[in-house]
């Protein structure tokens, strides 16, 4: 099965619908399976005196703009979905835009109110797919979150919530730990915050089903997540590497392969 490749545009559009559309088009051209944004009303998430209030407010798209963005993504042939930061935005994404996939960030692993609201939507929308990053979370928090989302199709993403994450701190073996912790019930993916594409490309060798990588139009512009983002050329190369690794994984079977038959002339048995 092909790994689901997500271009996390996030708020790299800096509040511009036109730039958001550019990101979606570039993600499509970079062979991403989906482009993901963030849906929120700043005042519902942080107080006005919070250090991040102005940053988030400057990058906020209205619900109407998200609706137009989704329509544009449908037109160009790339899946749109989003990370809602609050229950109103969650309801908008699932019940108004009719998205079949949503993502929750690591900082909401313990947000039982929001996760439970998503689960209720899952009961009404049996095909709802939920992706949850679990950076910064301990075992009890992760298991509690999965219980909150028991009526959805849940994928967990291994994640290190450091921006950027030094490659030697990526802890890719955590993918196996997460898989064992949940007894193989949930598909496991990887959300990357390293500066390059080496680590996310390699994660496919750990059997991930989803890879999420922040995405930007230009590594030199002022987009907030640029330090952990891939530009279109980088993202396209990452997809090429992942598809190559998928092919190289093979079936795992032993025995004589078709490509080996010629070389059996050198085989000796004593």
C-alpha atoms as a PDB file:
ATOM      1  CA  UNK A   1       0.000   0.000   0.000  1.00  0.00           C
ATOM      2  CA  UNK A   2       1.303   3.441  -0.902  1.00  0.00           C
ATOM      3  CA  UNK A   3       2.277   5.760   1.902  1.00  0.00           C
ATOM      4  CA  UNK A   4      -0.109   8.715   2.168  1.00  0.00           C
ATOM      5  CA  UNK A   5       2.006  11.844   1.577  1.00  0.00           C
ATOM      6  CA  UNK A   6       0.730  15.015   3.242  1.00  0.00           C
ATOM      7  CA  UNK A   7       2.063  18.474   2.419  1.00  0.00           C
ATOM      8  CA  UNK A   8       1.458  20.423   5.619  1.00  0.00           C
ATOM      9  CA  UNK A   9       0.921  23.944   4.330  1.00  0.00           C
ATOM     10  CA  UNK A  10      -0.350  24.873   7.779  1.00  0.00           C
ATOM     11  CA  UNK A  11      -0.153  28.643   8.147  1.00  0.00           C
ATOM     12  CA  UNK A  12       2.688  29.145   5.675  1.00  0.00           C
ATOM     13  CA  UNK A  13       0.200  31.094   3.542  1.00  0.00           C
ATOM     14  CA  UNK A  14       0.550  33.904   6.135  1.00  0.00           C
ATOM     15  CA  UNK A  15      -3.157  34.696   5.961  1.00  0.00           C
ATOM     16  CA  UNK A  16      -3.321  35.073   2.175  1.00  0.00           C
ATOM     17  CA  UNK A  17      -5.925  32.981   0.362  1.00  0.00           C
ATOM     18  CA  UNK A  18      -4.043  33.524  -2.905  1.00  0.00           C
ATOM     19  CA  UNK A  19      -0.859  32.138  -1.366  1.00  0.00           C
ATOM     20  CA  UNK A  20      -2.802  29.237   0.145  1.00  0.00           C
ATOM     21  CA  UNK A  21      -3.991  28.346  -3.343  1.00  0.00           C
ATOM     22  CA  UNK A  22      -0.419  28.596  -4.612  1.00  0.00           C
ATOM     23  CA  UNK A  23       0.643  26.164  -1.886  1.00  0.00           C
ATOM     24  CA  UNK A  24      -2.124  23.762  -2.850  1.00  0.00           C
ATOM     25  CA  UNK A  25      -1.141  23.889  -6.530  1.00  0.00           C
ATOM     26  CA  UNK A  26       2.543  23.447  -5.706  1.00  0.00           C
ATOM     27  CA  UNK A  27       1.710  20.480  -3.463  1.00  0.00           C
ATOM     28  CA  UNK A  28      -0.224  18.883  -6.314  1.00  0.00           C
ATOM     29  CA  UNK A  29       2.734  19.431  -8.674  1.00  0.00           C
ATOM     30  CA  UNK A  30       5.055  17.952  -6.031  1.00  0.00           C
ATOM     31  CA  UNK A  31       3.045  14.687  -6.052  1.00  0.00           C
ATOM     32  CA  UNK A  32       1.551  15.115  -2.589  1.00  0.00           C
ATOM     33  CA  UNK A  33      -1.596  13.083  -1.955  1.00  0.00           C
ATOM     34  CA  UNK A  34      -3.082  15.855   0.161  1.00  0.00           C
ATOM     35  CA  UNK A  35      -2.440  19.397   1.298  1.00  0.00           C
ATOM     36  CA  UNK A  36      -3.315  20.288   4.882  1.00  0.00           C
ATOM     37  CA  UNK A  37      -4.105  23.644   6.439  1.00  0.00           C
ATOM     38  CA  UNK A  38      -5.173  24.879   9.897  1.00  0.00           C
ATOM     39  CA  UNK A  39      -8.695  26.089  10.689  1.00  0.00           C
ATOM     40  CA  UNK A  40      -9.303  28.252  13.724  1.00  0.00           C
ATOM     41  CA  UNK A  41     -10.639  31.448  15.227  1.00  0.00           C
ATOM     42  CA  UNK A  42      -7.701  32.901  17.111  1.00  0.00           C
ATOM     43  CA  UNK A  43      -9.731  34.258  20.023  1.00  0.00           C
ATOM     44  CA  UNK A  44     -11.154  30.792  20.698  1.00  0.00           C
ATOM     45  CA  UNK A  45      -7.699  29.309  21.067  1.00  0.00           C
ATOM     46  CA  UNK A  46      -5.486  31.870  22.796  1.00  0.00           C
ATOM     47  CA  UNK A  47      -6.004  34.995  24.886  1.00  0.00           C
ATOM     48  CA  UNK A  48      -5.260  38.395  23.398  1.00  0.00           C
ATOM     49  CA  UNK A  49      -2.251  38.790  25.700  1.00  0.00           C
ATOM     50  CA  UNK A  50      -0.727  35.465  24.575  1.00  0.00           C
ATOM     51  CA  UNK A  51       2.598  35.857  22.766  1.00  0.00           C
ATOM     52  CA  UNK A  52       1.245  33.882  19.808  1.00  0.00           C
ATOM     53  CA  UNK A  53      -2.049  35.756  19.428  1.00  0.00           C
ATOM     54  CA  UNK A  54      -0.882  38.224  16.777  1.00  0.00           C
ATOM     55  CA  UNK A  55       1.018  35.561  14.833  1.00  0.00           C
ATOM     56  CA  UNK A  56      -2.026  33.305  14.659  1.00  0.00           C
ATOM     57  CA  UNK A  57      -4.377  36.192  13.922  1.00  0.00           C
ATOM     58  CA  UNK A  58      -2.225  37.376  11.021  1.00  0.00           C
ATOM     59  CA  UNK A  59      -2.322  33.856   9.553  1.00  0.00           C
ATOM     60  CA  UNK A  60      -6.018  33.214  10.114  1.00  0.00           C
ATOM     61  CA  UNK A  61      -8.197  32.331   7.116  1.00  0.00           C
ATOM     62  CA  UNK A  62     -11.953  32.817   7.418  1.00  0.00           C
ATOM     63  CA  UNK A  63     -14.338  29.904   7.066  1.00  0.00           C
ATOM     64  CA  UNK A  64     -15.477  31.282   3.710  1.00  0.00           C
ATOM     65  CA  UNK A  65     -11.855  31.339   2.569  1.00  0.00           C
ATOM     66  CA  UNK A  66     -11.405  27.716   3.670  1.00  0.00           C
ATOM     67  CA  UNK A  67     -14.515  26.790   1.703  1.00  0.00           C
ATOM     68  CA  UNK A  68     -13.090  28.493  -1.391  1.00  0.00           C
ATOM     69  CA  UNK A  69      -9.736  26.814  -0.794  1.00  0.00           C
ATOM     70  CA  UNK A  70     -11.337  23.378  -0.586  1.00  0.00           C
ATOM     71  CA  UNK A  71     -13.264  24.046  -3.804  1.00  0.00           C
ATOM     72  CA  UNK A  72     -10.014  25.041  -5.493  1.00  0.00           C
ATOM     73  CA  UNK A  73      -8.286  21.860  -4.283  1.00  0.00           C
ATOM     74  CA  UNK A  74     -11.171  19.787  -5.644  1.00  0.00           C
ATOM     75  CA  UNK A  75     -10.789  21.536  -8.998  1.00  0.00           C
ATOM     76  CA  UNK A  76      -7.061  20.847  -9.327  1.00  0.00           C
ATOM     77  CA  UNK A  77      -7.312  17.300  -7.995  1.00  0.00           C
ATOM     78  CA  UNK A  78      -5.637  17.268  -4.599  1.00  0.00           C
ATOM     79  CA  UNK A  79      -7.269  16.392  -1.307  1.00  0.00           C
ATOM     80  CA  UNK A  80      -7.805  19.292   1.080  1.00  0.00           C
ATOM     81  CA  UNK A  81      -8.068  18.741   4.796  1.00  0.00           C
ATOM     82  CA  UNK A  82      -7.263  20.704   7.887  1.00  0.00           C
ATOM     83  CA  UNK A  83      -6.360  20.795  11.574  1.00  0.00           C
ATOM     84  CA  UNK A  84      -9.187  22.394  13.569  1.00  0.00           C
ATOM     85  CA  UNK A  85      -8.146  24.153  16.760  1.00  0.00           C
ATOM     86  CA  UNK A  86     -11.613  24.404  18.316  1.00  0.00           C
ATOM     87  CA  UNK A  87     -15.003  22.685  18.259  1.00  0.00           C
ATOM     88  CA  UNK A  88     -16.639  25.248  15.967  1.00  0.00           C
ATOM     89  CA  UNK A  89     -13.860  24.839  13.397  1.00  0.00           C
ATOM     90  CA  UNK A  90     -14.084  21.061  13.769  1.00  0.00           C
ATOM     91  CA  UNK A  91     -17.806  21.108  13.059  1.00  0.00           C
ATOM     92  CA  UNK A  92     -17.250  23.418  10.089  1.00  0.00           C
ATOM     93  CA  UNK A  93     -14.652  21.121   8.526  1.00  0.00           C
ATOM     94  CA  UNK A  94     -16.694  17.931   8.956  1.00  0.00           C
ATOM     95  CA  UNK A  95     -20.330  19.029   8.765  1.00  0.00           C
ATOM     96  CA  UNK A  96     -20.156  22.046   6.446  1.00  0.00           C
ATOM     97  CA  UNK A  97     -17.230  21.225   4.159  1.00  0.00           C
ATOM     98  CA  UNK A  98     -17.965  17.484   4.400  1.00  0.00           C
ATOM     99  CA  UNK A  99     -14.324  16.558   4.767  1.00  0.00           C
ATOM    100  CA  UNK A 100     -13.719  12.876   5.408  1.00  0.00           C
ATOM    101  CA  UNK A 101     -10.355  13.476   7.050  1.00  0.00           C
ATOM    102  CA  UNK A 102      -9.168  15.761   9.865  1.00  0.00           C
ATOM    103  CA  UNK A 103      -5.940  16.088  11.800  1.00  0.00           C
ATOM    104  CA  UNK A 104      -5.274  17.020  15.404  1.00  0.00           C
ATOM    105  CA  UNK A 105      -1.943  18.465  16.482  1.00  0.00           C
ATOM    106  CA  UNK A 106       0.169  17.110  19.324  1.00  0.00           C
ATOM    107  CA  UNK A 107      -0.841  19.938  21.624  1.00  0.00           C
ATOM    108  CA  UNK A 108      -4.410  18.578  21.589  1.00  0.00           C
ATOM    109  CA  UNK A 109      -3.635  14.992  22.647  1.00  0.00           C
ATOM    110  CA  UNK A 110      -4.961  15.871  26.091  1.00  0.00           C
ATOM    111  CA  UNK A 111      -7.838  18.026  24.812  1.00  0.00           C
ATOM    112  CA  UNK A 112     -10.494  15.457  25.649  1.00  0.00           C
ATOM    113  CA  UNK A 113     -13.317  17.910  24.944  1.00  0.00           C
ATOM    114  CA  UNK A 114     -12.192  18.460  21.355  1.00  0.00           C
ATOM    115  CA  UNK A 115     -11.345  14.790  20.746  1.00  0.00           C
ATOM    116  CA  UNK A 116     -14.670  13.644  22.180  1.00  0.00           C
ATOM    117  CA  UNK A 117     -16.468  16.117  19.907  1.00  0.00           C
ATOM    118  CA  UNK A 118     -14.641  14.544  16.954  1.00  0.00           C
ATOM    119  CA  UNK A 119     -15.683  11.098  18.142  1.00  0.00           C
ATOM    120  CA  UNK A 120     -19.331  12.184  18.228  1.00  0.00           C
ATOM    121  CA  UNK A 121     -18.964  13.344  14.633  1.00  0.00           C
ATOM    122  CA  UNK A 122     -17.417   9.976  13.864  1.00  0.00           C
ATOM    123  CA  UNK A 123     -20.554   8.255  15.099  1.00  0.00           C
ATOM    124  CA  UNK A 124     -22.595  10.295  12.626  1.00  0.00           C
ATOM    125  CA  UNK A 125     -19.976  10.001   9.858  1.00  0.00           C
ATOM    126  CA  UNK A 126     -18.736   6.381   9.926  1.00  0.00           C
ATOM    127  CA  UNK A 127     -16.073   7.034   7.297  1.00  0.00           C
ATOM    128  CA  UNK A 128     -14.445   9.904   9.205  1.00  0.00           C
ATOM    129  CA  UNK A 129     -10.673   9.477   9.295  1.00  0.00           C
ATOM    130  CA  UNK A 130      -8.788  11.156  12.137  1.00  0.00           C
ATOM    131  CA  UNK A 131      -5.031  11.679  12.242  1.00  0.00           C
ATOM    132  CA  UNK A 132      -3.465  12.494  15.600  1.00  0.00           C
ATOM    133  CA  UNK A 133       0.147  13.527  16.231  1.00  0.00           C
ATOM    134  CA  UNK A 134       1.414  12.414  19.637  1.00  0.00           C
ATOM    135  CA  UNK A 135       4.508  14.541  20.238  1.00  0.00           C
ATOM    136  CA  UNK A 136       5.117  15.566  23.882  1.00  0.00           C
ATOM    137  CA  UNK A 137       2.760  12.790  25.068  1.00  0.00           C
ATOM    138  CA  UNK A 138       3.302   9.944  27.511  1.00  0.00           C
ATOM    139  CA  UNK A 139       1.778   6.470  27.353  1.00  0.00           C
ATOM    140  CA  UNK A 140      -1.258   7.270  29.493  1.00  0.00           C
ATOM    141  CA  UNK A 141      -2.056  10.404  27.500  1.00  0.00           C
ATOM    142  CA  UNK A 142      -1.822   8.554  24.186  1.00  0.00           C
ATOM    143  CA  UNK A 143      -4.046   5.690  25.335  1.00  0.00           C
ATOM    144  CA  UNK A 144      -6.593   8.135  26.756  1.00  0.00           C
ATOM    145  CA  UNK A 145      -6.681   9.975  23.426  1.00  0.00           C
ATOM    146  CA  UNK A 146      -7.247   6.778  21.465  1.00  0.00           C
ATOM    147  CA  UNK A 147     -10.125   5.940  23.785  1.00  0.00           C
ATOM    148  CA  UNK A 148     -11.659   9.356  23.100  1.00  0.00           C
ATOM    149  CA  UNK A 149     -11.514   8.647  19.371  1.00  0.00           C
ATOM    150  CA  UNK A 150     -12.688   5.032  19.443  1.00  0.00           C
ATOM    151  CA  UNK A 151     -15.510   5.598  16.934  1.00  0.00           C
ATOM    152  CA  UNK A 152     -13.291   7.051  14.199  1.00  0.00           C
ATOM    153  CA  UNK A 153     -10.759   5.610  11.765  1.00  0.00           C
ATOM    154  CA  UNK A 154      -7.695   6.697  13.696  1.00  0.00           C
ATOM    155  CA  UNK A 155      -4.082   7.014  12.545  1.00  0.00           C
ATOM    156  CA  UNK A 156      -1.408   7.974  15.072  1.00  0.00           C
ATOM    157  CA  UNK A 157       1.650   9.937  13.995  1.00  0.00           C
ATOM    158  CA  UNK A 158       4.953   9.609  15.787  1.00  0.00           C
ATOM    159  CA  UNK A 159       6.240  13.135  16.237  1.00  0.00           C
ATOM    160  CA  UNK A 160       8.929  15.098  18.044  1.00  0.00           C
ATOM    161  CA  UNK A 161       7.509  18.523  18.840  1.00  0.00           C
ATOM    162  CA  UNK A 162      10.679  20.534  18.426  1.00  0.00           C
ATOM    163  CA  UNK A 163      10.935  23.185  15.695  1.00  0.00           C
ATOM    164  CA  UNK A 164      13.271  22.234  14.159  1.00  0.00           C
ATOM    165  CA  UNK A 165      14.057  18.719  15.377  1.00  0.00           C
ATOM    166  CA  UNK A 166      17.742  17.767  15.114  1.00  0.00           C
ATOM    167  CA  UNK A 167      17.864  14.615  12.941  1.00  0.00           C
ATOM    168  CA  UNK A 168      19.617  12.653  15.688  1.00  0.00           C
ATOM    169  CA  UNK A 169      16.617  13.407  17.943  1.00  0.00           C
ATOM    170  CA  UNK A 170      13.975  12.079  15.512  1.00  0.00           C
ATOM    171  CA  UNK A 171      13.702   8.801  17.477  1.00  0.00           C
ATOM    172  CA  UNK A 172      12.306   6.784  14.586  1.00  0.00           C
ATOM    173  CA  UNK A 173      12.254   3.669  16.774  1.00  0.00           C
ATOM    174  CA  UNK A 174       9.385   5.425  18.544  1.00  0.00           C
ATOM    175  CA  UNK A 175       7.278   4.338  15.553  1.00  0.00           C
ATOM    176  CA  UNK A 176       7.686   0.707  16.629  1.00  0.00           C
ATOM    177  CA  UNK A 177       7.079   1.629  20.266  1.00  0.00           C
ATOM    178  CA  UNK A 178       3.843   3.363  19.304  1.00  0.00           C
ATOM    179  CA  UNK A 179       2.766   0.381  17.201  1.00  0.00           C
ATOM    180  CA  UNK A 180       3.472  -2.034  20.061  1.00  0.00           C
ATOM    181  CA  UNK A 181       1.787   0.231  22.606  1.00  0.00           C
ATOM    182  CA  UNK A 182      -1.453   0.196  20.643  1.00  0.00           C
ATOM    183  CA  UNK A 183      -1.059  -3.533  19.798  1.00  0.00           C
ATOM    184  CA  UNK A 184      -1.157  -2.867  16.068  1.00  0.00           C
ATOM    185  CA  UNK A 185      -4.765  -1.662  16.204  1.00  0.00           C
ATOM    186  CA  UNK A 186      -4.047   1.705  14.586  1.00  0.00           C
ATOM    187  CA  UNK A 187      -2.032   2.607  11.489  1.00  0.00           C
ATOM    188  CA  UNK A 188       1.108   4.472  12.507  1.00  0.00           C
ATOM    189  CA  UNK A 189       2.596   7.387  10.587  1.00  0.00           C
ATOM    190  CA  UNK A 190       5.242  10.049  11.049  1.00  0.00           C
ATOM    191  CA  UNK A 191       5.015  13.836  11.295  1.00  0.00           C
ATOM    192  CA  UNK A 192       8.392  15.410  10.614  1.00  0.00           C
ATOM    193  CA  UNK A 193       9.970  18.576  11.966  1.00  0.00           C
ATOM    194  CA  UNK A 194      13.552  18.083  10.832  1.00  0.00           C
ATOM    195  CA  UNK A 195      15.011  20.672   8.433  1.00  0.00           C
ATOM    196  CA  UNK A 196      15.531  18.225   5.547  1.00  0.00           C
ATOM    197  CA  UNK A 197      13.815  15.274   3.835  1.00  0.00           C
ATOM    198  CA  UNK A 198      16.229  12.493   4.846  1.00  0.00           C
ATOM    199  CA  UNK A 199      14.441  11.481   8.041  1.00  0.00           C
ATOM    200  CA  UNK A 200      10.856  11.512   6.723  1.00  0.00           C
ATOM    201  CA  UNK A 201      11.956   9.583   3.628  1.00  0.00           C
ATOM    202  CA  UNK A 202      13.637   6.956   5.812  1.00  0.00           C
ATOM    203  CA  UNK A 203      10.583   6.621   8.050  1.00  0.00           C
ATOM    204  CA  UNK A 204       8.834   4.584   5.357  1.00  0.00           C
ATOM    205  CA  UNK A 205      11.298   1.789   6.133  1.00  0.00           C
ATOM    206  CA  UNK A 206       9.688   1.649   9.585  1.00  0.00           C
ATOM    207  CA  UNK A 207       6.357   0.729   7.996  1.00  0.00           C
ATOM    208  CA  UNK A 208       4.543   4.046   8.347  1.00  0.00           C
ATOM    209  CA  UNK A 209       1.299   4.513   6.429  1.00  0.00           C
ATOM    210  CA  UNK A 210       1.334   8.341   6.445  1.00  0.00           C
ATOM    211  CA  UNK A 211       4.122  10.906   6.207  1.00  0.00           C
ATOM    212  CA  UNK A 212       3.431  14.547   6.977  1.00  0.00           C
ATOM    213  CA  UNK A 213       6.006  17.207   6.128  1.00  0.00           C
ATOM    214  CA  UNK A 214       5.631  20.973   6.435  1.00  0.00           C
ATOM    215  CA  UNK A 215       5.482  22.618   3.032  1.00  0.00           C
ATOM    216  CA  UNK A 216       6.488  26.060   1.771  1.00  0.00           C
ATOM    217  CA  UNK A 217       6.757  27.801  -1.576  1.00  0.00           C
ATOM    218  CA  UNK A 218      10.215  29.212  -0.908  1.00  0.00           C
ATOM    219  CA  UNK A 219      12.647  28.373   1.899  1.00  0.00           C
ATOM    220  CA  UNK A 220      13.813  31.997   1.837  1.00  0.00           C
ATOM    221  CA  UNK A 221      10.491  33.704   2.469  1.00  0.00           C
ATOM    222  CA  UNK A 222       9.055  34.742   5.842  1.00  0.00           C
ATOM    223  CA  UNK A 223       6.597  31.864   6.383  1.00  0.00           C
ATOM    224  CA  UNK A 224       6.554  30.923  10.047  1.00  0.00           C
ATOM    225  CA  UNK A 225       7.234  27.198   9.618  1.00  0.00           C
ATOM    226  CA  UNK A 226       9.952  27.558   6.984  1.00  0.00           C
ATOM    227  CA  UNK A 227      12.746  26.124   9.186  1.00  0.00           C
ATOM    228  CA  UNK A 228      10.971  22.738   9.219  1.00  0.00           C
ATOM    229  CA  UNK A 229       9.426  22.917   5.742  1.00  0.00           C
ATOM    230  CA  UNK A 230      10.227  21.365   2.381  1.00  0.00           C
ATOM    231  CA  UNK A 231       9.958  23.502  -0.736  1.00  0.00           C
ATOM    232  CA  UNK A 232       8.344  21.974  -3.859  1.00  0.00           C
ATOM    233  CA  UNK A 233      11.586  20.504  -5.222  1.00  0.00           C
ATOM    234  CA  UNK A 234      12.433  18.965  -1.846  1.00  0.00           C
ATOM    235  CA  UNK A 235       8.945  17.554  -1.372  1.00  0.00           C
ATOM    236  CA  UNK A 236       8.867  16.056  -4.859  1.00  0.00           C
ATOM    237  CA  UNK A 237      12.234  14.410  -4.232  1.00  0.00           C
ATOM    238  CA  UNK A 238      10.962  13.067  -0.898  1.00  0.00           C
ATOM    239  CA  UNK A 239       7.992  11.439  -2.622  1.00  0.00           C
ATOM    240  CA  UNK A 240      10.346   9.898  -5.194  1.00  0.00           C
ATOM    241  CA  UNK A 241      12.513   8.469  -2.415  1.00  0.00           C
ATOM    242  CA  UNK A 242       9.525   7.107  -0.536  1.00  0.00           C
ATOM    243  CA  UNK A 243       8.102   5.439  -3.638  1.00  0.00           C
ATOM    244  CA  UNK A 244      11.529   3.944  -4.350  1.00  0.00           C
ATOM    245  CA  UNK A 245      11.857   2.612  -0.807  1.00  0.00           C
ATOM    246  CA  UNK A 246       8.342   1.152  -1.010  1.00  0.00           C
ATOM    247  CA  UNK A 247       9.291  -0.741  -4.154  1.00  0.00           C
ATOM    248  CA  UNK A 248      12.556  -1.926  -2.625  1.00  0.00           C
ATOM    249  CA  UNK A 249      10.832  -3.344   0.460  1.00  0.00           C
ATOM    250  CA  UNK A 250       9.450  -6.225  -1.611  1.00  0.00           C
ATOM    251  CA  UNK A 251       7.388  -9.045  -0.137  1.00  0.00           C
ATOM    252  CA  UNK A 252       9.889 -10.269   2.425  1.00  0.00           C
ATOM    253  CA  UNK A 253       9.787 -13.799   1.037  1.00  0.00           C
ATOM    254  CA  UNK A 254      12.917 -15.943   0.776  1.00  0.00           C
ATOM    255  CA  UNK A 255      13.890 -18.329  -2.013  1.00  0.00           C
ATOM    256  CA  UNK A 256      14.977 -18.026  -5.627  1.00  0.00           C
ATOM    257  CA  UNK A 257      13.840 -14.798  -7.269  1.00  0.00           C
ATOM    258  CA  UNK A 258      13.206 -14.360 -10.979  1.00  0.00           C
ATOM    259  CA  UNK A 259      16.041 -11.820 -11.236  1.00  0.00           C
ATOM    260  CA  UNK A 260      18.436 -14.368  -9.672  1.00  0.00           C
ATOM    261  CA  UNK A 261      17.816 -17.305 -12.022  1.00  0.00           C
ATOM    262  CA  UNK A 262      20.616 -16.513 -14.463  1.00  0.00           C
ATOM    263  CA  UNK A 263      23.172 -16.443 -11.678  1.00  0.00           C
ATOM    264  CA  UNK A 264      22.333 -19.955 -10.446  1.00  0.00           C
ATOM    265  CA  UNK A 265      24.979 -21.172 -12.914  1.00  0.00           C
ATOM    266  CA  UNK A 266      27.530 -20.151 -10.285  1.00  0.00           C
ATOM    267  CA  UNK A 267      25.738 -21.945  -7.463  1.00  0.00           C
ATOM    268  CA  UNK A 268      27.565 -24.902  -5.930  1.00  0.00           C
ATOM    269  CA  UNK A 269      26.227 -27.505  -3.566  1.00  0.00           C
ATOM    270  CA  UNK A 270      28.522 -29.920  -1.734  1.00  0.00           C
END
